[in-house]
Amino acid sequence: MASSSPLSRVMCLMVLIMSVLALLSVRFAGANPEAGSVIPAESRPCVDCHAFEFMQRALQDLKKTAYNLDARTETLLLRAEKRGLCDCLPSIN
């Protein structure tokens, strides 16, 4: 059997590590739900509430971004107008 390259050894090791991690995650995902603290369904917010809160925060972020872009655009337009006025007026020195 010919010696394998260092790259193939590293790849085999990575595949082995990924396989072990996948098996461990499946084992923990299938763990007994009674083992941890379980929040009763009545006290948990529903998925729609979480989605609504997420969308509300996203909308607020978009409003802030739009306001900032609007303010920045206005500032740039005023600068451009000022520069245009300064270019067309003769210098008073």
PDB file of N, CA and C in Angstrom:
ATOM      1  N   MET A   1       0.849  -1.171   0.000  1.00  0.00           N
ATOM      2  CA  MET A   1       0.000   0.000   0.000  1.00  0.00           C
ATOM      3  C   MET A   1       0.892   1.231   0.000  1.00  0.00           C
ATOM      4  N   ALA A   2       0.654   2.149  -0.916  1.00  0.00           N
ATOM      5  CA  ALA A   2       1.463   3.361  -1.036  1.00  0.00           C
ATOM      6  C   ALA A   2       1.079   4.330   0.070  1.00  0.00           C
ATOM      7  N   SER A   3       2.064   5.155   0.471  1.00  0.00           N
ATOM      8  CA  SER A   3       1.768   6.128   1.527  1.00  0.00           C
ATOM      9  C   SER A   3       0.842   7.205   0.982  1.00  0.00           C
ATOM     10  N   SER A   4      -0.112   7.622   1.796  1.00  0.00           N
ATOM     11  CA  SER A   4      -1.068   8.636   1.363  1.00  0.00           C
ATOM     12  C   SER A   4      -0.492  10.020   1.610  1.00  0.00           C
ATOM     13  N   SER A   5      -0.967  10.966   0.845  1.00  0.00           N
ATOM     14  CA  SER A   5      -0.470  12.334   0.971  1.00  0.00           C
ATOM     15  C   SER A   5      -0.996  12.970   2.255  1.00  0.00           C
ATOM     16  N   PRO A   6      -0.296  13.984   2.765  1.00  0.00           N
ATOM     17  CA  PRO A   6      -0.763  14.655   3.986  1.00  0.00           C
ATOM     18  C   PRO A   6      -2.153  15.266   3.818  1.00  0.00           C
ATOM     19  N   LEU A   7      -2.454  15.720   2.599  1.00  0.00           N
ATOM     20  CA  LEU A   7      -3.761  16.313   2.359  1.00  0.00           C
ATOM     21  C   LEU A   7      -4.873  15.279   2.510  1.00  0.00           C
ATOM     22  N   SER A   8      -4.662  14.075   2.007  1.00  0.00           N
ATOM     23  CA  SER A   8      -5.696  13.044   2.119  1.00  0.00           C
ATOM     24  C   SER A   8      -5.853  12.601   3.578  1.00  0.00           C
ATOM     25  N   ARG A   9      -4.768  12.601   4.345  1.00  0.00           N
ATOM     26  CA  ARG A   9      -4.870  12.270   5.763  1.00  0.00           C
ATOM     27  C   ARG A   9      -5.701  13.320   6.500  1.00  0.00           C
ATOM     28  N   VAL A  10      -5.456  14.580   6.183  1.00  0.00           N
ATOM     29  CA  VAL A  10      -6.213  15.663   6.809  1.00  0.00           C
ATOM     30  C   VAL A  10      -7.685  15.551   6.435  1.00  0.00           C
ATOM     31  N   MET A  11      -7.962  15.243   5.181  1.00  0.00           N
ATOM     32  CA  MET A  11      -9.345  15.105   4.736  1.00  0.00           C
ATOM     33  C   MET A  11     -10.037  13.947   5.458  1.00  0.00           C
ATOM     34  N   CYS A  12      -9.344  12.819   5.620  1.00  0.00           N
ATOM     35  CA  CYS A  12      -9.921  11.678   6.335  1.00  0.00           C
ATOM     36  C   CYS A  12     -10.205  12.041   7.787  1.00  0.00           C
ATOM     37  N   LEU A  13      -9.269  12.768   8.401  1.00  0.00           N
ATOM     38  CA  LEU A  13      -9.461  13.192   9.786  1.00  0.00           C
ATOM     39  C   LEU A  13     -10.656  14.136   9.907  1.00  0.00           C
ATOM     40  N   MET A  14     -10.792  15.056   8.962  1.00  0.00           N
ATOM     41  CA  MET A  14     -11.916  15.994   8.977  1.00  0.00           C
ATOM     42  C   MET A  14     -13.243  15.253   8.808  1.00  0.00           C
ATOM     43  N   VAL A  15     -13.290  14.278   7.911  1.00  0.00           N
ATOM     44  CA  VAL A  15     -14.510  13.492   7.703  1.00  0.00           C
ATOM     45  C   VAL A  15     -14.859  12.735   8.978  1.00  0.00           C
ATOM     46  N   LEU A  16     -13.853  12.177   9.636  1.00  0.00           N
ATOM     47  CA  LEU A  16     -14.082  11.447  10.875  1.00  0.00           C
ATOM     48  C   LEU A  16     -14.626  12.373  11.960  1.00  0.00           C
ATOM     49  N   ILE A  17     -14.020  13.548  12.110  1.00  0.00           N
ATOM     50  CA  ILE A  17     -14.474  14.508  13.112  1.00  0.00           C
ATOM     51  C   ILE A  17     -15.901  14.962  12.824  1.00  0.00           C
ATOM     52  N   MET A  18     -16.201  15.263  11.572  1.00  0.00           N
ATOM     53  CA  MET A  18     -17.546  15.704  11.202  1.00  0.00           C
ATOM     54  C   MET A  18     -18.572  14.594  11.470  1.00  0.00           C
ATOM     55  N   SER A  19     -18.184  13.346  11.213  1.00  0.00           N
ATOM     56  CA  SER A  19     -19.102  12.223  11.460  1.00  0.00           C
ATOM     57  C   SER A  19     -19.408  12.092  12.950  1.00  0.00           C
ATOM     58  N   VAL A  20     -18.367  12.211  13.774  1.00  0.00           N
ATOM     59  CA  VAL A  20     -18.568  12.112  15.226  1.00  0.00           C
ATOM     60  C   VAL A  20     -19.461  13.245  15.709  1.00  0.00           C
ATOM     61  N   LEU A  21     -19.199  14.475  15.220  1.00  0.00           N
ATOM     62  CA  LEU A  21     -20.029  15.610  15.628  1.00  0.00           C
ATOM     63  C   LEU A  21     -21.479  15.432  15.183  1.00  0.00           C
ATOM     64  N   ALA A  22     -21.684  14.902  13.974  1.00  0.00           N
ATOM     65  CA  ALA A  22     -23.047  14.671  13.487  1.00  0.00           C
ATOM     66  C   ALA A  22     -23.764  13.640  14.357  1.00  0.00           C
ATOM     67  N   LEU A  23     -23.058  12.582  14.726  1.00  0.00           N
ATOM     68  CA  LEU A  23     -23.676  11.561  15.582  1.00  0.00           C
ATOM     69  C   LEU A  23     -24.001  12.125  16.957  1.00  0.00           C
ATOM     70  N   LEU A  24     -23.105  12.938  17.509  1.00  0.00           N
ATOM     71  CA  LEU A  24     -23.372  13.540  18.816  1.00  0.00           C
ATOM     72  C   LEU A  24     -24.551  14.499  18.759  1.00  0.00           C
ATOM     73  N   SER A  25     -24.642  15.280  17.694  1.00  0.00           N
ATOM     74  CA  SER A  25     -25.751  16.228  17.601  1.00  0.00           C
ATOM     75  C   SER A  25     -27.083  15.504  17.459  1.00  0.00           C
ATOM     76  N   VAL A  26     -27.101  14.393  16.726  1.00  0.00           N
ATOM     77  CA  VAL A  26     -28.329  13.612  16.593  1.00  0.00           C
ATOM     78  C   VAL A  26     -28.710  13.012  17.947  1.00  0.00           C
ATOM     79  N   ARG A  27     -27.706  12.567  18.694  1.00  0.00           N
ATOM     80  CA  ARG A  27     -27.974  11.977  20.012  1.00  0.00           C
ATOM     81  C   ARG A  27     -28.549  13.025  20.958  1.00  0.00           C
ATOM     82  N   PHE A  28     -27.958  14.233  20.968  1.00  0.00           N
ATOM     83  CA  PHE A  28     -28.445  15.285  21.857  1.00  0.00           C
ATOM     84  C   PHE A  28     -29.794  15.822  21.399  1.00  0.00           C
ATOM     85  N   ALA A  29     -30.036  15.839  20.111  1.00  0.00           N
ATOM     86  CA  ALA A  29     -31.319  16.332  19.607  1.00  0.00           C
ATOM     87  C   ALA A  29     -32.443  15.380  20.001  1.00  0.00           C
ATOM     88  N   GLY A  30     -32.121  14.100  20.108  1.00  0.00           N
ATOM     89  CA  GLY A  30     -33.130  13.122  20.473  1.00  0.00           C
ATOM     90  C   GLY A  30     -33.192  12.881  21.969  1.00  0.00           C
ATOM     91  N   ALA A  31     -32.570  13.745  22.755  1.00  0.00           N
ATOM     92  CA  ALA A  31     -32.549  13.564  24.210  1.00  0.00           C
ATOM     93  C   ALA A  31     -33.957  13.691  24.781  1.00  0.00           C
ATOM     94  N   ASN A  32     -34.122  13.155  25.951  1.00  0.00           N
ATOM     95  CA  ASN A  32     -35.410  13.173  26.635  1.00  0.00           C
ATOM     96  C   ASN A  32     -35.801  14.615  26.963  1.00  0.00           C
ATOM     97  N   PRO A  33     -36.939  15.112  26.497  1.00  0.00           N
ATOM     98  CA  PRO A  33     -37.314  16.496  26.756  1.00  0.00           C
ATOM     99  C   PRO A  33     -37.578  16.782  28.229  1.00  0.00           C
ATOM    100  N   GLU A  34     -37.869  15.741  29.007  1.00  0.00           N
ATOM    101  CA  GLU A  34     -38.127  15.952  30.423  1.00  0.00           C
ATOM    102  C   GLU A  34     -36.848  16.181  31.211  1.00  0.00           C
ATOM    103  N   ALA A  35     -35.686  15.932  30.582  1.00  0.00           N
ATOM    104  CA  ALA A  35     -34.422  16.071  31.284  1.00  0.00           C
ATOM    105  C   ALA A  35     -34.125  17.537  31.598  1.00  0.00           C
ATOM    106  N   GLY A  36     -34.517  18.455  30.729  1.00  0.00           N
ATOM    107  CA  GLY A  36     -34.269  19.875  30.941  1.00  0.00           C
ATOM    108  C   GLY A  36     -35.515  20.565  31.455  1.00  0.00           C
ATOM    109  N   SER A  37     -35.414  21.874  31.577  1.00  0.00           N
ATOM    110  CA  SER A  37     -36.599  22.625  32.009  1.00  0.00           C
ATOM    111  C   SER A  37     -37.486  22.888  30.796  1.00  0.00           C
ATOM    112  N   VAL A  38     -38.716  22.536  30.898  1.00  0.00           N
ATOM    113  CA  VAL A  38     -39.668  22.698  29.804  1.00  0.00           C
ATOM    114  C   VAL A  38     -40.620  23.824  30.155  1.00  0.00           C
ATOM    115  N   ILE A  39     -40.761  24.769  29.238  1.00  0.00           N
ATOM    116  CA  ILE A  39     -41.689  25.881  29.446  1.00  0.00           C
ATOM    117  C   ILE A  39     -43.042  25.457  28.896  1.00  0.00           C
ATOM    118  N   PRO A  40     -44.094  25.564  29.689  1.00  0.00           N
ATOM    119  CA  PRO A  40     -45.414  25.162  29.200  1.00  0.00           C
ATOM    120  C   PRO A  40     -45.833  25.994  27.982  1.00  0.00           C
ATOM    121  N   ALA A  41     -46.544  25.361  27.081  1.00  0.00           N
ATOM    122  CA  ALA A  41     -46.949  26.015  25.838  1.00  0.00           C
ATOM    123  C   ALA A  41     -47.777  27.268  26.093  1.00  0.00           C
ATOM    124  N   GLU A  42     -48.530  27.289  27.186  1.00  0.00           N
ATOM    125  CA  GLU A  42     -49.385  28.445  27.464  1.00  0.00           C
ATOM    126  C   GLU A  42     -48.570  29.701  27.760  1.00  0.00           C
ATOM    127  N   SER A  43     -47.374  29.529  28.322  1.00  0.00           N
ATOM    128  CA  SER A  43     -46.570  30.703  28.693  1.00  0.00           C
ATOM    129  C   SER A  43     -45.552  31.077  27.620  1.00  0.00           C
ATOM    130  N   ARG A  44     -45.423  30.263  26.583  1.00  0.00           N
ATOM    131  CA  ARG A  44     -44.485  30.580  25.503  1.00  0.00           C
ATOM    132  C   ARG A  44     -45.186  31.441  24.461  1.00  0.00           C
ATOM    133  N   PRO A  45     -44.487  32.467  23.938  1.00  0.00           N
ATOM    134  CA  PRO A  45     -45.093  33.241  22.852  1.00  0.00           C
ATOM    135  C   PRO A  45     -45.224  32.358  21.606  1.00  0.00           C
ATOM    136  N   CYS A  46     -46.258  32.571  20.867  1.00  0.00           N
ATOM    137  CA  CYS A  46     -46.461  31.758  19.675  1.00  0.00           C
ATOM    138  C   CYS A  46     -45.496  32.198  18.569  1.00  0.00           C
ATOM    139  N   VAL A  47     -45.386  31.372  17.564  1.00  0.00           N
ATOM    140  CA  VAL A  47     -44.481  31.657  16.451  1.00  0.00           C
ATOM    141  C   VAL A  47     -44.899  32.946  15.756  1.00  0.00           C
ATOM    142  N   ASP A  48     -46.199  33.177  15.625  1.00  0.00           N
ATOM    143  CA  ASP A  48     -46.676  34.397  14.981  1.00  0.00           C
ATOM    144  C   ASP A  48     -46.235  35.638  15.756  1.00  0.00           C
ATOM    145  N   CYS A  49     -46.245  35.558  17.096  1.00  0.00           N
ATOM    146  CA  CYS A  49     -45.819  36.699  17.909  1.00  0.00           C
ATOM    147  C   CYS A  49     -44.343  36.980  17.693  1.00  0.00           C
ATOM    148  N   HIS A  50     -43.534  35.913  17.654  1.00  0.00           N
ATOM    149  CA  HIS A  50     -42.105  36.097  17.406  1.00  0.00           C
ATOM    150  C   HIS A  50     -41.877  36.708  16.022  1.00  0.00           C
ATOM    151  N   ALA A  51     -42.609  36.209  15.037  1.00  0.00           N
ATOM    152  CA  ALA A  51     -42.460  36.734  13.676  1.00  0.00           C
ATOM    153  C   ALA A  51     -42.888  38.196  13.623  1.00  0.00           C
ATOM    154  N   PHE A  52     -43.965  38.532  14.316  1.00  0.00           N
ATOM    155  CA  PHE A  52     -44.435  39.913  14.328  1.00  0.00           C
ATOM    156  C   PHE A  52     -43.407  40.828  14.975  1.00  0.00           C
ATOM    157  N   GLU A  53     -42.836  40.398  16.129  1.00  0.00           N
ATOM    158  CA  GLU A  53     -41.829  41.210  16.807  1.00  0.00           C
ATOM    159  C   GLU A  53     -40.594  41.389  15.927  1.00  0.00           C
ATOM    160  N   PHE A  54     -40.186  40.315  15.264  1.00  0.00           N
ATOM    161  CA  PHE A  54     -39.034  40.392  14.366  1.00  0.00           C
ATOM    162  C   PHE A  54     -39.298  41.370  13.230  1.00  0.00           C
ATOM    163  N   MET A  55     -40.473  41.269  12.625  1.00  0.00           N
ATOM    164  CA  MET A  55     -40.818  42.153  11.511  1.00  0.00           C
ATOM    165  C   MET A  55     -40.922  43.596  11.992  1.00  0.00           C
ATOM    166  N   GLN A  56     -41.437  43.801  13.203  1.00  0.00           N
ATOM    167  CA  GLN A  56     -41.551  45.153  13.749  1.00  0.00           C
ATOM    168  C   GLN A  56     -40.168  45.772  13.950  1.00  0.00           C
ATOM    169  N   ARG A  57     -39.228  44.978  14.493  1.00  0.00           N
ATOM    170  CA  ARG A  57     -37.857  45.488  14.670  1.00  0.00           C
ATOM    171  C   ARG A  57     -37.202  45.758  13.326  1.00  0.00           C
ATOM    172  N   ALA A  58     -37.430  44.872  12.361  1.00  0.00           N
ATOM    173  CA  ALA A  58     -36.861  45.062  11.026  1.00  0.00           C
ATOM    174  C   ALA A  58     -37.412  46.325  10.383  1.00  0.00           C
ATOM    175  N   LEU A  59     -38.704  46.574  10.557  1.00  0.00           N
ATOM    176  CA  LEU A  59     -39.313  47.775  10.003  1.00  0.00           C
ATOM    177  C   LEU A  59     -38.743  49.034  10.651  1.00  0.00           C
ATOM    178  N   GLN A  60     -38.534  48.998  11.970  1.00  0.00           N
ATOM    179  CA  GLN A  60     -37.925  50.144  12.648  1.00  0.00           C
ATOM    180  C   GLN A  60     -36.513  50.388  12.140  1.00  0.00           C
ATOM    181  N   ASP A  61     -35.757  49.317  11.939  1.00  0.00           N
ATOM    182  CA  ASP A  61     -34.400  49.461  11.399  1.00  0.00           C
ATOM    183  C   ASP A  61     -34.428  50.049   9.998  1.00  0.00           C
ATOM    184  N   LEU A  62     -35.390  49.596   9.187  1.00  0.00           N
ATOM    185  CA  LEU A  62     -35.508  50.136   7.828  1.00  0.00           C
ATOM    186  C   LEU A  62     -35.882  51.615   7.850  1.00  0.00           C
ATOM    187  N   LYS A  63     -36.770  51.993   8.772  1.00  0.00           N
ATOM    188  CA  LYS A  63     -37.153  53.406   8.886  1.00  0.00           C
ATOM    189  C   LYS A  63     -35.955  54.257   9.270  1.00  0.00           C
ATOM    190  N   LYS A  64     -35.149  53.771  10.233  1.00  0.00           N
ATOM    191  CA  LYS A  64     -33.944  54.509  10.633  1.00  0.00           C
ATOM    192  C   LYS A  64     -32.988  54.646   9.457  1.00  0.00           C
ATOM    193  N   THR A  65     -32.791  53.556   8.738  1.00  0.00           N
ATOM    194  CA  THR A  65     -31.889  53.576   7.592  1.00  0.00           C
ATOM    195  C   THR A  65     -32.392  54.537   6.529  1.00  0.00           C
ATOM    196  N   ALA A  66     -33.695  54.498   6.259  1.00  0.00           N
ATOM    197  CA  ALA A  66     -34.264  55.395   5.253  1.00  0.00           C
ATOM    198  C   ALA A  66     -34.109  56.845   5.694  1.00  0.00           C
ATOM    199  N   TYR A  67     -34.342  57.129   6.966  1.00  0.00           N
ATOM    200  CA  TYR A  67     -34.188  58.494   7.470  1.00  0.00           C
ATOM    201  C   TYR A  67     -32.733  58.944   7.332  1.00  0.00           C
ATOM    202  N   ASN A  68     -31.794  58.072   7.714  1.00  0.00           N
ATOM    203  CA  ASN A  68     -30.384  58.418   7.611  1.00  0.00           C
ATOM    204  C   ASN A  68     -29.970  58.646   6.164  1.00  0.00           C
ATOM    205  N   LEU A  69     -30.466  57.803   5.265  1.00  0.00           N
ATOM    206  CA  LEU A  69     -30.151  57.988   3.846  1.00  0.00           C
ATOM    207  C   LEU A  69     -30.757  59.280   3.317  1.00  0.00           C
ATOM    208  N   ASP A  70     -31.979  59.586   3.753  1.00  0.00           N
ATOM    209  CA  ASP A  70     -32.635  60.815   3.317  1.00  0.00           C
ATOM    210  C   ASP A  70     -31.855  62.036   3.804  1.00  0.00           C
ATOM    211  N   ALA A  71     -31.450  62.016   5.071  1.00  0.00           N
ATOM    212  CA  ALA A  71     -30.681  63.132   5.629  1.00  0.00           C
ATOM    213  C   ALA A  71     -29.345  63.257   4.916  1.00  0.00           C
ATOM    214  N   ARG A  72     -28.698  62.146   4.660  1.00  0.00           N
ATOM    215  CA  ARG A  72     -27.397  62.169   3.960  1.00  0.00           C
ATOM    216  C   ARG A  72     -27.566  62.693   2.541  1.00  0.00           C
ATOM    217  N   THR A  73     -28.616  62.261   1.858  1.00  0.00           N
ATOM    218  CA  THR A  73     -28.868  62.724   0.497  1.00  0.00           C
ATOM    219  C   THR A  73     -29.103  64.231   0.481  1.00  0.00           C
ATOM    220  N   GLU A  74     -29.898  64.708   1.446  1.00  0.00           N
ATOM    221  CA  GLU A  74     -30.173  66.140   1.510  1.00  0.00           C
ATOM    222  C   GLU A  74     -28.889  66.927   1.764  1.00  0.00           C
ATOM    223  N   THR A  75     -28.052  66.432   2.650  1.00  0.00           N
ATOM    224  CA  THR A  75     -26.770  67.097   2.930  1.00  0.00           C
ATOM    225  C   THR A  75     -25.910  67.149   1.677  1.00  0.00           C
ATOM    226  N   LEU A  76     -25.846  66.032   0.956  1.00  0.00           N
ATOM    227  CA  LEU A  76     -25.033  66.005  -0.267  1.00  0.00           C
ATOM    228  C   LEU A  76     -25.597  66.937  -1.329  1.00  0.00           C
ATOM    229  N   LEU A  77     -26.937  67.008  -1.434  1.00  0.00           N
ATOM    230  CA  LEU A  77     -27.545  67.923  -2.407  1.00  0.00           C
ATOM    231  C   LEU A  77     -27.248  69.375  -2.063  1.00  0.00           C
ATOM    232  N   LEU A  78     -27.334  69.717  -0.766  1.00  0.00           N
ATOM    233  CA  LEU A  78     -27.012  71.081  -0.354  1.00  0.00           C
ATOM    234  C   LEU A  78     -25.555  71.423  -0.636  1.00  0.00           C
ATOM    235  N   ARG A  79     -24.671  70.480  -0.411  1.00  0.00           N
ATOM    236  CA  ARG A  79     -23.251  70.706  -0.727  1.00  0.00           C
ATOM    237  C   ARG A  79     -23.059  70.938  -2.218  1.00  0.00           C
ATOM    238  N   ALA A  80     -23.742  70.110  -3.014  1.00  0.00           N
ATOM    239  CA  ALA A  80     -23.608  70.251  -4.468  1.00  0.00           C
ATOM    240  C   ALA A  80     -24.154  71.600  -4.934  1.00  0.00           C
ATOM    241  N   GLU A  81     -25.290  72.036  -4.370  1.00  0.00           N
ATOM    242  CA  GLU A  81     -25.853  73.339  -4.737  1.00  0.00           C
ATOM    243  C   GLU A  81     -24.914  74.467  -4.319  1.00  0.00           C
ATOM    244  N   LYS A  82     -24.345  74.364  -3.124  1.00  0.00           N
ATOM    245  CA  LYS A  82     -23.420  75.382  -2.640  1.00  0.00           C
ATOM    246  C   LYS A  82     -22.187  75.439  -3.527  1.00  0.00           C
ATOM    247  N   ARG A  83     -21.664  74.281  -3.894  1.00  0.00           N
ATOM    248  CA  ARG A  83     -20.499  74.223  -4.767  1.00  0.00           C
ATOM    249  C   ARG A  83     -20.829  74.831  -6.130  1.00  0.00           C
ATOM    250  N   GLY A  84     -22.037  74.565  -6.619  1.00  0.00           N
ATOM    251  CA  GLY A  84     -22.448  75.144  -7.903  1.00  0.00           C
ATOM    252  C   GLY A  84     -22.555  76.656  -7.827  1.00  0.00           C
ATOM    253  N   LEU A  85     -23.071  77.171  -6.715  1.00  0.00           N
ATOM    254  CA  LEU A  85     -23.163  78.621  -6.548  1.00  0.00           C
ATOM    255  C   LEU A  85     -21.777  79.241  -6.448  1.00  0.00           C
ATOM    256  N   CYS A  86     -20.901  78.600  -5.723  1.00  0.00           N
ATOM    257  CA  CYS A  86     -19.553  79.142  -5.555  1.00  0.00           C
ATOM    258  C   CYS A  86     -18.797  79.147  -6.872  1.00  0.00           C
ATOM    259  N   ASP A  87     -19.053  78.165  -7.724  1.00  0.00           N
ATOM    260  CA  ASP A  87     -18.363  78.096  -9.017  1.00  0.00           C
ATOM    261  C   ASP A  87     -18.828  79.179  -9.972  1.00  0.00           C
ATOM    262  N   CYS A  88     -20.093  79.593  -9.863  1.00  0.00           N
ATOM    263  CA  CYS A  88     -20.603  80.545 -10.839  1.00  0.00           C
ATOM    264  C   CYS A  88     -20.403  82.002 -10.388  1.00  0.00           C
ATOM    265  N   LEU A  89     -20.177  82.237  -9.089  1.00  0.00           N
ATOM    266  CA  LEU A  89     -19.940  83.591  -8.605  1.00  0.00           C
ATOM    267  C   LEU A  89     -18.449  83.933  -8.705  1.00  0.00           C
ATOM    268  N   PRO A  90     -18.160  85.137  -9.149  1.00  0.00           N
ATOM    269  CA  PRO A  90     -16.741  85.511  -9.221  1.00  0.00           C
ATOM    270  C   PRO A  90     -16.178  85.684  -7.822  1.00  0.00           C
ATOM    271  N   SER A  91     -14.949  85.431  -7.712  1.00  0.00           N
ATOM    272  CA  SER A  91     -14.273  85.536  -6.418  1.00  0.00           C
ATOM    273  C   SER A  91     -14.190  86.996  -5.999  1.00  0.00           C
ATOM    274  N   ILE A  92     -14.403  87.290  -4.693  1.00  0.00           N
ATOM    275  CA  ILE A  92     -14.442  88.666  -4.206  1.00  0.00           C
ATOM    276  C   ILE A  92     -13.154  88.988  -3.458  1.00  0.00           C
ATOM    277  N   ASN A  93     -12.039  88.573  -3.876  1.00  0.00           N
ATOM    278  CA  ASN A  93     -10.776  88.891  -3.197  1.00  0.00           C
ATOM    279  C   ASN A  93     -10.136  90.081  -3.793  1.00  0.00           C
TER     280      ASN A  93
END
